[in-house]
N, C-alpha and C. Protein backbone atom coordinates (compact mmCIF):
# COMPACT_ATOMS: atom_id res chain seq x y z
N MET A 1 7.36 2.89 116.74
CA MET A 1 6.17 2.03 117.35
C MET A 1 4.99 2.71 116.86
N GLU A 2 4.02 1.79 116.71
CA GLU A 2 2.67 2.22 116.34
C GLU A 2 1.93 3.05 117.24
N ALA A 3 1.20 4.01 116.88
CA ALA A 3 0.48 4.75 117.89
C ALA A 3 -0.68 3.84 118.61
N LEU A 4 -0.89 4.04 119.76
CA LEU A 4 -1.73 3.24 120.58
C LEU A 4 -3.09 3.77 120.61
N THR A 5 -4.22 3.01 120.51
CA THR A 5 -5.64 3.48 120.44
C THR A 5 -5.83 3.98 122.03
N VAL A 6 -6.76 4.56 122.20
CA VAL A 6 -7.38 5.08 123.65
C VAL A 6 -7.25 3.88 124.74
N GLU A 7 -7.94 2.85 123.93
CA GLU A 7 -8.19 1.66 124.90
C GLU A 7 -6.85 1.03 125.28
N GLU A 8 -5.98 0.85 124.30
CA GLU A 8 -4.58 0.21 124.58
C GLU A 8 -3.74 1.13 125.58
N LYS A 9 -4.07 2.41 125.42
CA LYS A 9 -3.21 3.38 126.23
C LYS A 9 -3.80 2.97 127.77
N PHE A 10 -5.17 3.02 127.88
CA PHE A 10 -5.59 2.89 129.13
C PHE A 10 -5.22 1.51 129.81
N ILE A 11 -5.13 0.45 129.07
CA ILE A 11 -4.65 -0.84 129.71
C ILE A 11 -3.16 -0.74 130.20
N VAL A 12 -2.48 -0.11 129.35
CA VAL A 12 -0.88 -0.05 129.53
C VAL A 12 -0.80 0.98 130.86
N GLU A 13 -1.74 1.90 131.07
CA GLU A 13 -1.79 2.79 132.21
C GLU A 13 -1.96 1.97 133.38
N LYS A 14 -3.07 1.15 133.28
CA LYS A 14 -3.62 0.33 134.51
C LYS A 14 -2.55 -0.56 134.87
N LEU A 15 -1.78 -1.23 133.73
CA LEU A 15 -0.83 -2.31 134.31
C LEU A 15 0.23 -1.33 134.89
N ASN A 16 0.81 -0.29 134.43
CA ASN A 16 1.88 0.53 135.10
C ASN A 16 1.33 0.77 136.50
N GLU A 17 0.18 1.33 136.83
CA GLU A 17 -0.25 1.76 137.98
C GLU A 17 -0.17 0.42 139.19
N ASN A 18 -0.31 -0.79 138.69
CA ASN A 18 -0.49 -1.95 139.16
C ASN A 18 0.95 -2.87 139.07
N GLY A 19 2.15 -2.09 139.29
CA GLY A 19 3.36 -2.72 139.26
C GLY A 19 3.70 -3.59 138.02
N GLY A 20 3.03 -3.31 136.82
CA GLY A 20 3.38 -4.06 135.72
C GLY A 20 2.67 -5.35 135.30
N SER A 21 1.82 -5.72 136.40
CA SER A 21 0.96 -6.69 135.95
C SER A 21 -0.28 -6.99 136.79
N LEU A 22 -1.23 -7.59 136.19
CA LEU A 22 -2.47 -7.92 136.65
C LEU A 22 -2.99 -9.10 136.14
N ASN A 23 -3.78 -9.77 137.02
CA ASN A 23 -4.59 -11.02 136.37
C ASN A 23 -5.82 -10.50 135.45
N TYR A 24 -6.06 -11.26 134.51
CA TYR A 24 -7.13 -10.96 133.47
C TYR A 24 -8.43 -10.45 134.03
N LYS A 25 -8.87 -11.06 135.13
CA LYS A 25 -10.27 -10.62 135.63
C LYS A 25 -10.26 -9.14 136.34
N GLU A 26 -9.17 -8.91 137.05
CA GLU A 26 -8.94 -7.57 137.77
C GLU A 26 -8.84 -6.40 136.58
N LEU A 27 -8.18 -6.74 135.51
CA LEU A 27 -7.85 -5.82 134.47
C LEU A 27 -9.16 -5.71 133.60
N GLN A 28 -9.92 -6.75 133.48
CA GLN A 28 -11.30 -6.64 132.96
C GLN A 28 -12.30 -5.78 133.75
N ASP A 29 -12.12 -5.99 134.97
CA ASP A 29 -13.05 -5.26 135.84
C ASP A 29 -12.82 -3.76 135.95
N LEU A 30 -11.40 -3.30 135.73
CA LEU A 30 -10.99 -1.92 135.49
C LEU A 30 -11.42 -1.37 134.41
N CYS A 31 -11.48 -1.99 133.15
CA CYS A 31 -12.01 -1.52 131.97
C CYS A 31 -13.36 -1.59 131.73
N ALA A 32 -14.08 -2.35 132.48
CA ALA A 32 -15.56 -2.59 132.31
C ALA A 32 -16.41 -1.39 132.06
N ASP A 33 -16.17 -0.28 132.90
CA ASP A 33 -16.85 0.83 132.70
C ASP A 33 -16.39 1.93 131.32
N GLU A 34 -15.17 1.60 130.88
CA GLU A 34 -14.65 2.31 129.76
C GLU A 34 -14.83 1.91 128.61
N PHE A 35 -14.78 0.55 128.41
CA PHE A 35 -15.01 -0.23 126.77
C PHE A 35 -15.06 -1.60 127.16
N GLU A 36 -15.51 -2.31 125.98
CA GLU A 36 -15.60 -3.83 125.87
C GLU A 36 -14.51 -4.29 125.05
N GLY A 37 -14.24 -5.79 124.94
CA GLY A 37 -13.32 -6.46 124.09
C GLY A 37 -11.93 -6.31 124.48
N VAL A 38 -11.90 -6.63 125.78
CA VAL A 38 -10.35 -6.49 126.49
C VAL A 38 -9.72 -7.45 125.81
N ARG A 39 -10.05 -8.66 125.70
CA ARG A 39 -9.17 -9.95 125.11
C ARG A 39 -8.77 -9.58 123.79
N LEU A 40 -9.50 -8.85 122.86
CA LEU A 40 -9.15 -8.62 121.62
C LEU A 40 -7.84 -7.43 121.65
N ILE A 41 -8.11 -6.28 122.57
CA ILE A 41 -7.04 -5.28 122.90
C ILE A 41 -5.90 -5.97 123.21
N LEU A 42 -5.98 -6.89 124.30
CA LEU A 42 -4.71 -7.54 124.65
C LEU A 42 -3.98 -8.37 123.52
N LYS A 43 -4.83 -8.83 122.89
CA LYS A 43 -4.10 -9.50 121.72
C LYS A 43 -3.26 -8.75 120.94
N LYS A 44 -4.01 -7.47 120.52
CA LYS A 44 -3.26 -6.59 119.73
C LYS A 44 -1.96 -6.00 120.49
N LEU A 45 -2.11 -5.70 121.68
CA LEU A 45 -1.06 -5.31 122.52
C LEU A 45 0.10 -6.20 122.75
N LYS A 46 -0.34 -7.43 122.47
CA LYS A 46 0.94 -8.65 122.61
C LYS A 46 1.54 -8.80 121.20
N GLU A 47 0.80 -8.45 120.19
CA GLU A 47 1.42 -8.44 118.80
C GLU A 47 2.14 -7.15 118.67
N LYS A 48 2.03 -6.17 119.53
CA LYS A 48 2.83 -4.97 119.30
C LYS A 48 4.12 -5.10 120.49
N ASN A 49 4.14 -6.33 121.06
CA ASN A 49 5.10 -6.59 122.04
C ASN A 49 5.19 -5.73 123.21
N LEU A 50 3.94 -5.44 123.60
CA LEU A 50 3.82 -4.52 124.92
C LEU A 50 3.54 -5.20 126.03
N VAL A 51 2.79 -6.46 125.93
CA VAL A 51 2.25 -7.01 127.07
C VAL A 51 2.56 -8.63 126.74
N ASN A 52 2.66 -9.49 127.81
CA ASN A 52 2.87 -10.84 127.63
C ASN A 52 1.79 -11.65 128.50
N TYR A 53 1.30 -12.54 128.13
CA TYR A 53 0.73 -13.60 128.74
C TYR A 53 0.73 -15.12 128.19
N GLU A 54 0.21 -15.97 128.78
CA GLU A 54 0.24 -17.31 128.27
C GLU A 54 -0.70 -17.53 127.24
N GLY A 55 -0.44 -18.24 126.08
CA GLY A 55 -1.38 -18.50 124.85
C GLY A 55 -1.47 -17.32 123.97
N ILE A 56 -2.51 -17.33 123.18
CA ILE A 56 -2.61 -16.59 121.92
C ILE A 56 -3.66 -15.49 122.45
N ILE A 57 -4.76 -16.07 123.13
CA ILE A 57 -5.67 -15.03 123.86
C ILE A 57 -5.77 -15.30 125.28
N PRO A 58 -5.67 -14.33 126.21
CA PRO A 58 -5.74 -14.36 127.50
C PRO A 58 -6.92 -15.21 128.07
N GLY A 59 -6.65 -16.31 128.91
CA GLY A 59 -7.82 -16.84 129.57
C GLY A 59 -8.17 -15.97 130.75
N PHE A 60 -9.39 -16.46 131.51
CA PHE A 60 -10.01 -15.85 132.39
C PHE A 60 -8.83 -15.65 133.78
N SER A 61 -8.00 -16.64 133.98
CA SER A 61 -7.07 -16.49 135.01
C SER A 61 -5.72 -16.05 134.69
N ALA A 62 -5.39 -15.80 133.29
CA ALA A 62 -4.26 -15.32 132.97
C ALA A 62 -3.60 -14.17 133.56
N LEU A 63 -2.45 -14.17 133.82
CA LEU A 63 -1.52 -12.99 134.37
C LEU A 63 -0.93 -12.11 133.17
N ILE A 64 -1.29 -10.84 133.13
CA ILE A 64 -1.13 -10.08 131.82
C ILE A 64 0.13 -9.08 132.59
N LYS A 65 1.12 -9.43 131.86
CA LYS A 65 2.36 -8.65 132.17
C LYS A 65 2.76 -7.51 131.28
N LEU A 66 3.17 -6.38 131.67
CA LEU A 66 3.64 -5.17 130.85
C LEU A 66 5.15 -5.67 130.61
N ILE A 67 5.52 -5.48 129.30
CA ILE A 67 6.89 -5.67 128.82
C ILE A 67 7.50 -4.37 129.02
N LYS A 68 8.55 -4.29 129.68
CA LYS A 68 9.28 -2.98 129.97
C LYS A 68 10.42 -3.03 128.83
N ASN A 69 10.35 -1.91 128.20
CA ASN A 69 11.38 -1.63 127.03
C ASN A 69 12.46 -0.85 127.48
């Protein structure tokens, strides 16, 4: 598996802390003080098969789910 960036690790940790899923708005609020570009990072995590959500880029009301391997 590819190494995760600091931002990717942060998102994975926040999802783990919240039972493996958060809606996009909540996740964005948690990340707001740390970094920007949450959608792009989520897209990369989806390409790495670490998270799942509907569509190519998560919408404002999307549910982001951590994929358990």
